[in-house]
């Protein structure tokens, strides 16, 4: 997916310096795409009068993560939109308090 973004960016800008797809170039483009997507989700949540959050916590190969999803009614599209907000790596125990604090920090960034 990241190499496709680099390819499309090259087609639009015709800049030979971004023709190759090194790990540093890919990580830069992934960060940019994440910023734009989080901004879109932030605006979507900001412009809605209510939204529903879904949390999913799991451990895979000794790595714990918290997955946050949102369902929002988008007036512009006249439909409910499902948005994957974030998958956050956890370093704490799987307690309700730890999940709440992590979600509160993530949503604080999105909604402020």
PDB file of N, CA and C in Angstrom:
ATOM      1  N   UNK A   1       0.824  -1.173   0.000  1.00  0.00           N
ATOM      2  CA  UNK A   1       0.000   0.000   0.000  1.00  0.00           C
ATOM      3  C   UNK A   1       0.882   1.257   0.000  1.00  0.00           C
ATOM      4  N   UNK A   2       1.928   1.238   0.816  1.00  0.00           N
ATOM      5  CA  UNK A   2       2.805   2.409   0.892  1.00  0.00           C
ATOM      6  C   UNK A   2       3.542   2.633  -0.426  1.00  0.00           C
ATOM      7  N   UNK A   3       3.976   1.542  -1.062  1.00  0.00           N
ATOM      8  CA  UNK A   3       4.673   1.718  -2.347  1.00  0.00           C
ATOM      9  C   UNK A   3       3.730   2.265  -3.404  1.00  0.00           C
ATOM     10  N   UNK A   4       2.447   1.916  -3.327  1.00  0.00           N
ATOM     11  CA  UNK A   4       1.446   2.449  -4.263  1.00  0.00           C
ATOM     12  C   UNK A   4       1.290   3.959  -4.064  1.00  0.00           C
ATOM     13  N   UNK A   5       1.320   4.398  -2.813  1.00  0.00           N
ATOM     14  CA  UNK A   5       1.229   5.832  -2.520  1.00  0.00           C
ATOM     15  C   UNK A   5       2.428   6.563  -3.112  1.00  0.00           C
ATOM     16  N   UNK A   6       3.618   5.975  -2.945  1.00  0.00           N
ATOM     17  CA  UNK A   6       4.822   6.583  -3.517  1.00  0.00           C
ATOM     18  C   UNK A   6       4.702   6.648  -5.034  1.00  0.00           C
ATOM     19  N   UNK A   7       4.202   5.586  -5.643  1.00  0.00           N
ATOM     20  CA  UNK A   7       4.031   5.564  -7.103  1.00  0.00           C
ATOM     21  C   UNK A   7       3.068   6.644  -7.565  1.00  0.00           C
ATOM     22  N   UNK A   8       1.931   6.773  -6.890  1.00  0.00           N
ATOM     23  CA  UNK A   8       0.943   7.785  -7.276  1.00  0.00           C
ATOM     24  C   UNK A   8       1.474   9.197  -7.043  1.00  0.00           C
ATOM     25  N   UNK A   9       2.218   9.388  -5.956  1.00  0.00           N
ATOM     26  CA  UNK A   9       2.814  10.695  -5.692  1.00  0.00           C
ATOM     27  C   UNK A   9       3.819  11.048  -6.777  1.00  0.00           C
ATOM     28  N   UNK A  10       4.604  10.069  -7.204  1.00  0.00           N
ATOM     29  CA  UNK A  10       5.561  10.290  -8.291  1.00  0.00           C
ATOM     30  C   UNK A  10       4.832  10.679  -9.577  1.00  0.00           C
ATOM     31  N   UNK A  11       3.709  10.005  -9.867  1.00  0.00           N
ATOM     32  CA  UNK A  11       2.945  10.323 -11.080  1.00  0.00           C
ATOM     33  C   UNK A  11       2.418  11.751 -11.054  1.00  0.00           C
ATOM     34  N   UNK A  12       1.990  12.200  -9.879  1.00  0.00           N
ATOM     35  CA  UNK A  12       1.437  13.556  -9.773  1.00  0.00           C
ATOM     36  C   UNK A  12       2.540  14.605  -9.804  1.00  0.00           C
ATOM     37  N   UNK A  13       3.604  14.392  -9.032  1.00  0.00           N
ATOM     38  CA  UNK A  13       4.654  15.404  -8.910  1.00  0.00           C
ATOM     39  C   UNK A  13       5.754  15.282  -9.953  1.00  0.00           C
ATOM     40  N   UNK A  14       5.907  14.091 -10.543  1.00  0.00           N
ATOM     41  CA  UNK A  14       6.983  13.813 -11.511  1.00  0.00           C
ATOM     42  C   UNK A  14       8.345  14.202 -10.945  1.00  0.00           C
ATOM     43  N   UNK A  15       8.550  13.899  -9.681  1.00  0.00           N
ATOM     44  CA  UNK A  15       9.800  14.216  -8.993  1.00  0.00           C
ATOM     45  C   UNK A  15      10.648  12.949  -8.924  1.00  0.00           C
ATOM     46  N   UNK A  16      11.765  12.896  -9.648  1.00  0.00           N
ATOM     47  CA  UNK A  16      12.564  11.669  -9.680  1.00  0.00           C
ATOM     48  C   UNK A  16      13.168  11.280  -8.332  1.00  0.00           C
ATOM     49  N   UNK A  17      13.279  12.223  -7.403  1.00  0.00           N
ATOM     50  CA  UNK A  17      13.876  11.900  -6.105  1.00  0.00           C
ATOM     51  C   UNK A  17      12.985  10.981  -5.273  1.00  0.00           C
ATOM     52  N   UNK A  18      11.696  10.899  -5.586  1.00  0.00           N
ATOM     53  CA  UNK A  18      10.811  10.000  -4.827  1.00  0.00           C
ATOM     54  C   UNK A  18      10.439   8.751  -5.628  1.00  0.00           C
ATOM     55  N   UNK A  19      11.149   8.503  -6.697  1.00  0.00           N
ATOM     56  CA  UNK A  19      10.852   7.325  -7.511  1.00  0.00           C
ATOM     57  C   UNK A  19      11.190   6.034  -6.777  1.00  0.00           C
ATOM     58  N   UNK A  20      12.271   6.038  -6.000  1.00  0.00           N
ATOM     59  CA  UNK A  20      12.625   4.831  -5.251  1.00  0.00           C
ATOM     60  C   UNK A  20      11.813   4.766  -3.966  1.00  0.00           C
ATOM     61  N   UNK A  21      11.735   3.593  -3.417  1.00  0.00           N
ATOM     62  CA  UNK A  21      10.867   3.376  -2.261  1.00  0.00           C
ATOM     63  C   UNK A  21      11.690   2.792  -1.108  1.00  0.00           C
ATOM     64  N   UNK A  22      12.544   3.601  -0.503  1.00  0.00           N
ATOM     65  CA  UNK A  22      13.357   3.147   0.622  1.00  0.00           C
ATOM     66  C   UNK A  22      12.501   3.098   1.887  1.00  0.00           C
ATOM     67  N   UNK A  23      12.932   2.375   2.906  1.00  0.00           N
ATOM     68  CA  UNK A  23      12.155   2.313   4.156  1.00  0.00           C
ATOM     69  C   UNK A  23      11.900   3.686   4.776  1.00  0.00           C
ATOM     70  N   UNK A  24      12.866   4.593   4.683  1.00  0.00           N
ATOM     71  CA  UNK A  24      12.640   5.918   5.266  1.00  0.00           C
ATOM     72  C   UNK A  24      11.584   6.700   4.485  1.00  0.00           C
ATOM     73  N   UNK A  25      11.570   6.541   3.158  1.00  0.00           N
ATOM     74  CA  UNK A  25      10.545   7.205   2.341  1.00  0.00           C
ATOM     75  C   UNK A  25       9.168   6.629   2.668  1.00  0.00           C
ATOM     76  N   UNK A  26       9.092   5.315   2.764  1.00  0.00           N
ATOM     77  CA  UNK A  26       7.814   4.679   3.091  1.00  0.00           C
ATOM     78  C   UNK A  26       7.322   5.133   4.450  1.00  0.00           C
ATOM     79  N   UNK A  27       8.191   5.159   5.453  1.00  0.00           N
ATOM     80  CA  UNK A  27       7.747   5.563   6.793  1.00  0.00           C
ATOM     81  C   UNK A  27       7.283   7.015   6.809  1.00  0.00           C
ATOM     82  N   UNK A  28       7.934   7.872   6.034  1.00  0.00           N
ATOM     83  CA  UNK A  28       7.508   9.267   5.950  1.00  0.00           C
ATOM     84  C   UNK A  28       6.113   9.375   5.340  1.00  0.00           C
ATOM     85  N   UNK A  29       5.884   8.665   4.235  1.00  0.00           N
ATOM     86  CA  UNK A  29       4.566   8.710   3.598  1.00  0.00           C
ATOM     87  C   UNK A  29       3.486   8.091   4.487  1.00  0.00           C
ATOM     88  N   UNK A  30       3.816   7.035   5.201  1.00  0.00           N
ATOM     89  CA  UNK A  30       2.837   6.414   6.105  1.00  0.00           C
ATOM     90  C   UNK A  30       2.456   7.392   7.209  1.00  0.00           C
ATOM     91  N   UNK A  31       3.423   8.104   7.735  1.00  0.00           N
ATOM     92  CA  UNK A  31       3.122   9.104   8.767  1.00  0.00           C
ATOM     93  C   UNK A  31       2.209  10.195   8.222  1.00  0.00           C
ATOM     94  N   UNK A  32       2.481  10.639   7.012  1.00  0.00           N
ATOM     95  CA  UNK A  32       1.656  11.685   6.402  1.00  0.00           C
ATOM     96  C   UNK A  32       0.223  11.189   6.198  1.00  0.00           C
ATOM     97  N   UNK A  33       0.072   9.976   5.689  1.00  0.00           N
ATOM     98  CA  UNK A  33      -1.261   9.409   5.467  1.00  0.00           C
ATOM     99  C   UNK A  33      -2.003   9.257   6.796  1.00  0.00           C
ATOM    100  N   UNK A  34      -1.303   8.816   7.838  1.00  0.00           N
ATOM    101  CA  UNK A  34      -1.933   8.674   9.155  1.00  0.00           C
ATOM    102  C   UNK A  34      -2.420  10.021   9.683  1.00  0.00           C
ATOM    103  N   UNK A  35      -1.611  11.053   9.503  1.00  0.00           N
ATOM    104  CA  UNK A  35      -2.006  12.391   9.957  1.00  0.00           C
ATOM    105  C   UNK A  35      -3.277  12.847   9.243  1.00  0.00           C
ATOM    106  N   UNK A  36      -3.327  12.677   7.924  1.00  0.00           N
ATOM    107  CA  UNK A  36      -4.519  13.084   7.175  1.00  0.00           C
ATOM    108  C   UNK A  36      -5.753  12.277   7.595  1.00  0.00           C
ATOM    109  N   UNK A  37      -5.593  10.979   7.786  1.00  0.00           N
ATOM    110  CA  UNK A  37      -6.731  10.156   8.195  1.00  0.00           C
ATOM    111  C   UNK A  37      -7.212  10.517   9.591  1.00  0.00           C
ATOM    112  N   UNK A  38      -6.289  10.742  10.531  1.00  0.00           N
ATOM    113  CA  UNK A  38      -6.698  11.147  11.872  1.00  0.00           C
ATOM    114  C   UNK A  38      -7.379  12.505  11.859  1.00  0.00           C
ATOM    115  N   UNK A  39      -6.929  13.395  10.991  1.00  0.00           N
ATOM    116  CA  UNK A  39      -7.581  14.699  10.855  1.00  0.00           C
ATOM    117  C   UNK A  39      -9.012  14.541  10.332  1.00  0.00           C
ATOM    118  N   UNK A  40      -9.196  13.660   9.352  1.00  0.00           N
ATOM    119  CA  UNK A  40     -10.550  13.415   8.819  1.00  0.00           C
ATOM    120  C   UNK A  40     -11.462  12.826   9.887  1.00  0.00           C
ATOM    121  N   UNK A  41     -10.937  11.863  10.652  1.00  0.00           N
ATOM    122  CA  UNK A  41     -11.732  11.267  11.733  1.00  0.00           C
ATOM    123  C   UNK A  41     -12.061  12.319  12.781  1.00  0.00           C
ATOM    124  N   UNK A  42     -11.098  13.167  13.112  1.00  0.00           N
ATOM    125  CA  UNK A  42     -11.319  14.233  14.084  1.00  0.00           C
ATOM    126  C   UNK A  42     -12.438  15.159  13.638  1.00  0.00           C
ATOM    127  N   UNK A  43     -12.409  15.575  12.376  1.00  0.00           N
ATOM    128  CA  UNK A  43     -13.467  16.458  11.844  1.00  0.00           C
ATOM    129  C   UNK A  43     -14.818  15.754  11.826  1.00  0.00           C
ATOM    130  N   UNK A  44     -14.822  14.482  11.482  1.00  0.00           N
ATOM    131  CA  UNK A  44     -16.058  13.707  11.455  1.00  0.00           C
ATOM    132  C   UNK A  44     -16.684  13.641  12.849  1.00  0.00           C
ATOM    133  N   UNK A  45     -15.862  13.353  13.860  1.00  0.00           N
ATOM    134  CA  UNK A  45     -16.363  13.285  15.231  1.00  0.00           C
ATOM    135  C   UNK A  45     -16.779  14.662  15.737  1.00  0.00           C
ATOM    136  N   UNK A  46     -16.023  15.677  15.374  1.00  0.00           N
ATOM    137  CA  UNK A  46     -16.309  17.038  15.810  1.00  0.00           C
ATOM    138  C   UNK A  46     -17.640  17.546  15.263  1.00  0.00           C
ATOM    139  N   UNK A  47     -17.985  17.148  14.040  1.00  0.00           N
ATOM    140  CA  UNK A  47     -19.207  17.628  13.397  1.00  0.00           C
ATOM    141  C   UNK A  47     -20.430  16.771  13.675  1.00  0.00           C
ATOM    142  N   UNK A  48     -20.283  15.761  14.503  1.00  0.00           N
ATOM    143  CA  UNK A  48     -21.441  14.922  14.830  1.00  0.00           C
ATOM    144  C   UNK A  48     -21.947  15.261  16.222  1.00  0.00           C
ATOM    145  N   UNK A  49     -23.213  15.039  16.446  1.00  0.00           N
ATOM    146  CA  UNK A  49     -23.754  15.315  17.765  1.00  0.00           C
ATOM    147  C   UNK A  49     -23.621  14.109  18.688  1.00  0.00           C
ATOM    148  N   UNK A  50     -23.346  12.938  18.132  1.00  0.00           N
ATOM    149  CA  UNK A  50     -23.125  11.733  18.942  1.00  0.00           C
ATOM    150  C   UNK A  50     -22.349  10.718  18.119  1.00  0.00           C
ATOM    151  N   UNK A  51     -21.616   9.885  18.800  1.00  0.00           N
ATOM    152  CA  UNK A  51     -20.914   8.793  18.139  1.00  0.00           C
ATOM    153  C   UNK A  51     -20.772   7.644  19.113  1.00  0.00           C
ATOM    154  N   UNK A  52     -20.559   6.479  18.573  1.00  0.00           N
ATOM    155  CA  UNK A  52     -20.423   5.265  19.366  1.00  0.00           C
ATOM    156  C   UNK A  52     -18.991   4.765  19.249  1.00  0.00           C
ATOM    157  N   UNK A  53     -18.423   4.350  20.371  1.00  0.00           N
ATOM    158  CA  UNK A  53     -17.058   3.829  20.373  1.00  0.00           C
ATOM    159  C   UNK A  53     -17.072   2.333  20.628  1.00  0.00           C
ATOM    160  N   UNK A  54     -16.174   1.640  19.957  1.00  0.00           N
ATOM    161  CA  UNK A  54     -15.987   0.214  20.195  1.00  0.00           C
ATOM    162  C   UNK A  54     -14.536  -0.031  20.559  1.00  0.00           C
ATOM    163  N   UNK A  55     -14.314  -0.744  21.638  1.00  0.00           N
ATOM    164  CA  UNK A  55     -12.961  -1.062  22.091  1.00  0.00           C
ATOM    165  C   UNK A  55     -12.738  -2.555  21.971  1.00  0.00           C
ATOM    166  N   UNK A  56     -11.555  -2.921  21.581  1.00  0.00           N
ATOM    167  CA  UNK A  56     -11.193  -4.332  21.492  1.00  0.00           C
ATOM    168  C   UNK A  56      -9.770  -4.447  22.005  1.00  0.00           C
ATOM    169  N   UNK A  57      -9.573  -5.314  22.974  1.00  0.00           N
ATOM    170  CA  UNK A  57      -8.249  -5.492  23.555  1.00  0.00           C
ATOM    171  C   UNK A  57      -7.781  -6.908  23.288  1.00  0.00           C
ATOM    172  N   UNK A  58      -6.532  -7.074  22.929  1.00  0.00           N
ATOM    173  CA  UNK A  58      -6.017  -8.405  22.616  1.00  0.00           C
ATOM    174  C   UNK A  58      -4.519  -8.467  22.882  1.00  0.00           C
ATOM    175  N   UNK A  59      -4.030  -9.686  22.983  1.00  0.00           N
ATOM    176  CA  UNK A  59      -2.594  -9.927  23.091  1.00  0.00           C
ATOM    177  C   UNK A  59      -2.212 -10.907  22.003  1.00  0.00           C
ATOM    178  N   UNK A  60      -1.214 -10.528  21.214  1.00  0.00           N
ATOM    179  CA  UNK A  60      -0.734 -11.392  20.140  1.00  0.00           C
ATOM    180  C   UNK A  60       0.777 -11.452  20.215  1.00  0.00           C
ATOM    181  N   UNK A  61       1.314 -12.632  20.359  1.00  0.00           N
ATOM    182  CA  UNK A  61       2.754 -12.841  20.477  1.00  0.00           C
ATOM    183  C   UNK A  61       3.364 -11.918  21.532  1.00  0.00           C
ATOM    184  N   UNK A  62       2.757 -11.927  22.703  1.00  0.00           N
ATOM    185  CA  UNK A  62       3.187 -11.163  23.882  1.00  0.00           C
ATOM    186  C   UNK A  62       3.092  -9.653  23.711  1.00  0.00           C
ATOM    187  N   UNK A  63       2.407  -9.194  22.697  1.00  0.00           N
ATOM    188  CA  UNK A  63       2.210  -7.762  22.492  1.00  0.00           C
ATOM    189  C   UNK A  63       0.733  -7.443  22.683  1.00  0.00           C
ATOM    190  N   UNK A  64       0.445  -6.594  23.654  1.00  0.00           N
ATOM    191  CA  UNK A  64      -0.938  -6.196  23.925  1.00  0.00           C
ATOM    192  C   UNK A  64      -1.284  -4.954  23.128  1.00  0.00           C
ATOM    193  N   UNK A  65      -2.518  -4.898  22.656  1.00  0.00           N
ATOM    194  CA  UNK A  65      -2.948  -3.697  21.947  1.00  0.00           C
ATOM    195  C   UNK A  65      -4.409  -3.395  22.266  1.00  0.00           C
ATOM    196  N   UNK A  66      -4.746  -2.146  22.108  1.00  0.00           N
ATOM    197  CA  UNK A  66      -6.109  -1.663  22.280  1.00  0.00           C
ATOM    198  C   UNK A  66      -6.545  -1.086  20.944  1.00  0.00           C
ATOM    199  N   UNK A  67      -7.625  -1.600  20.410  1.00  0.00           N
ATOM    200  CA  UNK A  67      -8.154  -1.168  19.127  1.00  0.00           C
ATOM    201  C   UNK A  67      -9.371  -0.290  19.392  1.00  0.00           C
ATOM    202  N   UNK A  68      -9.395   0.908  18.816  1.00  0.00           N
ATOM    203  CA  UNK A  68     -10.510   1.847  19.008  1.00  0.00           C
ATOM    204  C   UNK A  68     -11.185   2.090  17.663  1.00  0.00           C
ATOM    205  N   UNK A  69     -12.500   1.856  17.627  1.00  0.00           N
ATOM    206  CA  UNK A  69     -13.305   2.108  16.432  1.00  0.00           C
ATOM    207  C   UNK A  69     -14.452   3.058  16.797  1.00  0.00           C
ATOM    208  N   UNK A  70     -14.910   3.806  15.825  1.00  0.00           N
ATOM    209  CA  UNK A  70     -16.016   4.738  16.051  1.00  0.00           C
ATOM    210  C   UNK A  70     -17.064   4.550  14.970  1.00  0.00           C
ATOM    211  N   UNK A  71     -18.326   4.688  15.363  1.00  0.00           N
ATOM    212  CA  UNK A  71     -19.448   4.722  14.413  1.00  0.00           C
ATOM    213  C   UNK A  71     -20.093   6.086  14.543  1.00  0.00           C
ATOM    214  N   UNK A  72     -20.214   6.756  13.400  1.00  0.00           N
ATOM    215  CA  UNK A  72     -20.706   8.127  13.380  1.00  0.00           C
ATOM    216  C   UNK A  72     -21.699   8.278  12.242  1.00  0.00           C
ATOM    217  N   UNK A  73     -22.776   9.035  12.489  1.00  0.00           N
ATOM    218  CA  UNK A  73     -23.686   9.361  11.397  1.00  0.00           C
ATOM    219  C   UNK A  73     -23.131  10.575  10.683  1.00  0.00           C
ATOM    220  N   UNK A  74     -22.821  10.413   9.411  1.00  0.00           N
ATOM    221  CA  UNK A  74     -22.276  11.499   8.595  1.00  0.00           C
ATOM    222  C   UNK A  74     -23.416  12.137   7.818  1.00  0.00           C
ATOM    223  N   UNK A  75     -23.713  13.393   8.138  1.00  0.00           N
ATOM    224  CA  UNK A  75     -24.826  14.078   7.479  1.00  0.00           C
ATOM    225  C   UNK A  75     -24.571  14.291   5.992  1.00  0.00           C
ATOM    226  N   UNK A  76     -23.331  14.548   5.626  1.00  0.00           N
ATOM    227  CA  UNK A  76     -23.002  14.794   4.216  1.00  0.00           C
ATOM    228  C   UNK A  76     -23.295  13.564   3.355  1.00  0.00           C
ATOM    229  N   UNK A  77     -23.039  12.384   3.907  1.00  0.00           N
ATOM    230  CA  UNK A  77     -23.281  11.144   3.168  1.00  0.00           C
ATOM    231  C   UNK A  77     -24.635  10.521   3.475  1.00  0.00           C
ATOM    232  N   UNK A  78     -25.293  11.019   4.500  1.00  0.00           N
ATOM    233  CA  UNK A  78     -26.575  10.467   4.988  1.00  0.00           C
ATOM    234  C   UNK A  78     -26.452   8.975   5.292  1.00  0.00           C
ATOM    235  N   UNK A  79     -25.363   8.599   5.965  1.00  0.00           N
ATOM    236  CA  UNK A  79     -25.167   7.204   6.348  1.00  0.00           C
ATOM    237  C   UNK A  79     -24.263   7.104   7.564  1.00  0.00           C
ATOM    238  N   UNK A  80     -24.285   5.952   8.187  1.00  0.00           N
ATOM    239  CA  UNK A  80     -23.415   5.687   9.323  1.00  0.00           C
ATOM    240  C   UNK A  80     -22.047   5.271   8.787  1.00  0.00           C
ATOM    241  N   UNK A  81     -21.011   5.903   9.314  1.00  0.00           N
ATOM    242  CA  UNK A  81     -19.637   5.635   8.891  1.00  0.00           C
ATOM    243  C   UNK A  81     -18.917   4.896  10.008  1.00  0.00           C
ATOM    244  N   UNK A  82     -18.249   3.817   9.660  1.00  0.00           N
ATOM    245  CA  UNK A  82     -17.411   3.085  10.604  1.00  0.00           C
ATOM    246  C   UNK A  82     -15.976   3.523  10.373  1.00  0.00           C
ATOM    247  N   UNK A  83     -15.323   4.008  11.417  1.00  0.00           N
ATOM    248  CA  UNK A  83     -13.951   4.495  11.287  1.00  0.00           C
ATOM    249  C   UNK A  83     -13.055   3.766  12.274  1.00  0.00           C
ATOM    250  N   UNK A  84     -11.933   3.273  11.771  1.00  0.00           N
ATOM    251  CA  UNK A  84     -10.928   2.697  12.651  1.00  0.00           C
ATOM    252  C   UNK A  84     -10.080   3.853  13.147  1.00  0.00           C
ATOM    253  N   UNK A  85     -10.146   4.140  14.435  1.00  0.00           N
ATOM    254  CA  UNK A  85      -9.459   5.302  14.987  1.00  0.00           C
ATOM    255  C   UNK A  85      -7.985   5.000  15.221  1.00  0.00           C
ATOM    256  N   UNK A  86      -7.703   3.917  15.945  1.00  0.00           N
ATOM    257  CA  UNK A  86      -6.301   3.614  16.249  1.00  0.00           C
ATOM    258  C   UNK A  86      -6.155   2.205  16.797  1.00  0.00           C
ATOM    259  N   UNK A  87      -4.985   1.658  16.628  1.00  0.00           N
ATOM    260  CA  UNK A  87      -4.567   0.427  17.303  1.00  0.00           C
ATOM    261  C   UNK A  87      -3.338   0.818  18.107  1.00  0.00           C
ATOM    262  N   UNK A  88      -3.497   0.844  19.407  1.00  0.00           N
ATOM    263  CA  UNK A  88      -2.445   1.342  20.282  1.00  0.00           C
ATOM    264  C   UNK A  88      -1.781   0.201  21.024  1.00  0.00           C
ATOM    265  N   UNK A  89      -0.461   0.186  21.021  1.00  0.00           N
ATOM    266  CA  UNK A  89       0.269  -0.838  21.761  1.00  0.00           C
ATOM    267  C   UNK A  89       0.199  -0.500  23.246  1.00  0.00           C
ATOM    268  N   UNK A  90      -0.057  -1.540  24.036  1.00  0.00           N
ATOM    269  CA  UNK A  90      -0.216  -1.342  25.480  1.00  0.00           C
ATOM    270  C   UNK A  90       0.973  -1.916  26.226  1.00  0.00           C
ATOM    271  N   UNK A  91       1.327  -1.216  27.288  1.00  0.00           N
ATOM    272  CA  UNK A  91       2.423  -1.677  28.126  1.00  0.00           C
ATOM    273  C   UNK A  91       1.941  -1.923  29.548  1.00  0.00           C
ATOM    274  N   UNK A  92       0.629  -1.829  29.761  1.00  0.00           N
ATOM    275  CA  UNK A  92       0.053  -2.016  31.088  1.00  0.00           C
ATOM    276  C   UNK A  92      -0.781  -3.286  31.112  1.00  0.00           C
ATOM    277  N   UNK A  93      -1.320  -3.582  32.274  1.00  0.00           N
ATOM    278  CA  UNK A  93      -2.198  -4.735  32.416  1.00  0.00           C
ATOM    279  C   UNK A  93      -3.537  -4.457  31.739  1.00  0.00           C
ATOM    280  N   UNK A  94      -4.284  -5.512  31.496  1.00  0.00           N
ATOM    281  CA  UNK A  94      -5.598  -5.408  30.839  1.00  0.00           C
ATOM    282  C   UNK A  94      -6.677  -5.084  31.866  1.00  0.00           C
ATOM    283  N   UNK A  95      -6.623  -3.928  32.452  1.00  0.00           N
ATOM    284  CA  UNK A  95      -7.666  -3.531  33.390  1.00  0.00           C
ATOM    285  C   UNK A  95      -8.557  -2.493  32.730  1.00  0.00           C
ATOM    286  N   UNK A  96      -9.760  -2.370  33.233  1.00  0.00           N
ATOM    287  CA  UNK A  96     -10.683  -1.375  32.708  1.00  0.00           C
ATOM    288  C   UNK A  96     -10.139   0.032  32.866  1.00  0.00           C
ATOM    289  N   UNK A  97      -9.481   0.279  33.981  1.00  0.00           N
ATOM    290  CA  UNK A  97      -8.927   1.612  34.231  1.00  0.00           C
ATOM    291  C   UNK A  97      -7.825   1.944  33.214  1.00  0.00           C
ATOM    292  N   UNK A  98      -6.950   0.983  32.934  1.00  0.00           N
ATOM    293  CA  UNK A  98      -5.866   1.215  31.968  1.00  0.00           C
ATOM    294  C   UNK A  98      -6.435   1.460  30.576  1.00  0.00           C
ATOM    295  N   UNK A  99      -7.457   0.683  30.177  1.00  0.00           N
ATOM    296  CA  UNK A  99      -8.085   0.890  28.865  1.00  0.00           C
ATOM    297  C   UNK A  99      -8.747   2.253  28.789  1.00  0.00           C
ATOM    298  N   UNK A 100      -9.453   2.633  29.859  1.00  0.00           N
ATOM    299  CA  UNK A 100     -10.120   3.927  29.880  1.00  0.00           C
ATOM    300  C   UNK A 100      -9.110   5.065  29.756  1.00  0.00           C
ATOM    301  N   UNK A 101      -8.018   5.002  30.525  1.00  0.00           N
ATOM    302  CA  UNK A 101      -7.011   6.066  30.479  1.00  0.00           C
ATOM    303  C   UNK A 101      -6.364   6.170  29.105  1.00  0.00           C
ATOM    304  N   UNK A 102      -6.085   5.029  28.481  1.00  0.00           N
ATOM    305  CA  UNK A 102      -5.475   5.050  27.155  1.00  0.00           C
ATOM    306  C   UNK A 102      -6.451   5.625  26.120  1.00  0.00           C
ATOM    307  N   UNK A 103      -7.721   5.210  26.206  1.00  0.00           N
ATOM    308  CA  UNK A 103      -8.720   5.730  25.284  1.00  0.00           C
ATOM    309  C   UNK A 103      -8.932   7.224  25.504  1.00  0.00           C
ATOM    310  N   UNK A 104      -8.932   7.661  26.759  1.00  0.00           N
ATOM    311  CA  UNK A 104      -9.116   9.073  27.077  1.00  0.00           C
ATOM    312  C   UNK A 104      -7.983   9.925  26.482  1.00  0.00           C
ATOM    313  N   UNK A 105      -6.754   9.443  26.554  1.00  0.00           N
ATOM    314  CA  UNK A 105      -5.628  10.181  25.967  1.00  0.00           C
ATOM    315  C   UNK A 105      -5.748  10.252  24.444  1.00  0.00           C
ATOM    316  N   UNK A 106      -6.097   9.118  23.821  1.00  0.00           N
ATOM    317  CA  UNK A 106      -6.219   9.076  22.355  1.00  0.00           C
ATOM    318  C   UNK A 106      -7.335   9.992  21.868  1.00  0.00           C
ATOM    319  N   UNK A 107      -8.488   9.935  22.520  1.00  0.00           N
ATOM    320  CA  UNK A 107      -9.610  10.779  22.092  1.00  0.00           C
ATOM    321  C   UNK A 107      -9.364  12.240  22.438  1.00  0.00           C
ATOM    322  N   UNK A 108      -8.610  12.492  23.495  1.00  0.00           N
ATOM    323  CA  UNK A 108      -8.253  13.870  23.837  1.00  0.00           C
ATOM    324  C   UNK A 108      -7.449  14.519  22.723  1.00  0.00           C
ATOM    325  N   UNK A 109      -6.577  13.751  22.099  1.00  0.00           N
ATOM    326  CA  UNK A 109      -5.791  14.265  20.978  1.00  0.00           C
ATOM    327  C   UNK A 109      -6.689  14.515  19.781  1.00  0.00           C
ATOM    328  N   UNK A 110      -7.614  13.597  19.515  1.00  0.00           N
ATOM    329  CA  UNK A 110      -8.495  13.734  18.344  1.00  0.00           C
ATOM    330  C   UNK A 110      -9.505  14.850  18.498  1.00  0.00           C
ATOM    331  N   UNK A 111     -10.035  15.026  19.691  1.00  0.00           N
ATOM    332  CA  UNK A 111     -11.165  15.945  19.864  1.00  0.00           C
ATOM    333  C   UNK A 111     -10.775  17.329  20.386  1.00  0.00           C
ATOM    334  N   UNK A 112      -9.505  17.579  20.583  1.00  0.00           N
ATOM    335  CA  UNK A 112      -9.080  18.921  21.041  1.00  0.00           C
ATOM    336  C   UNK A 112      -8.500  19.715  19.919  1.00  0.00           C
TER     337      UNK A 112
END
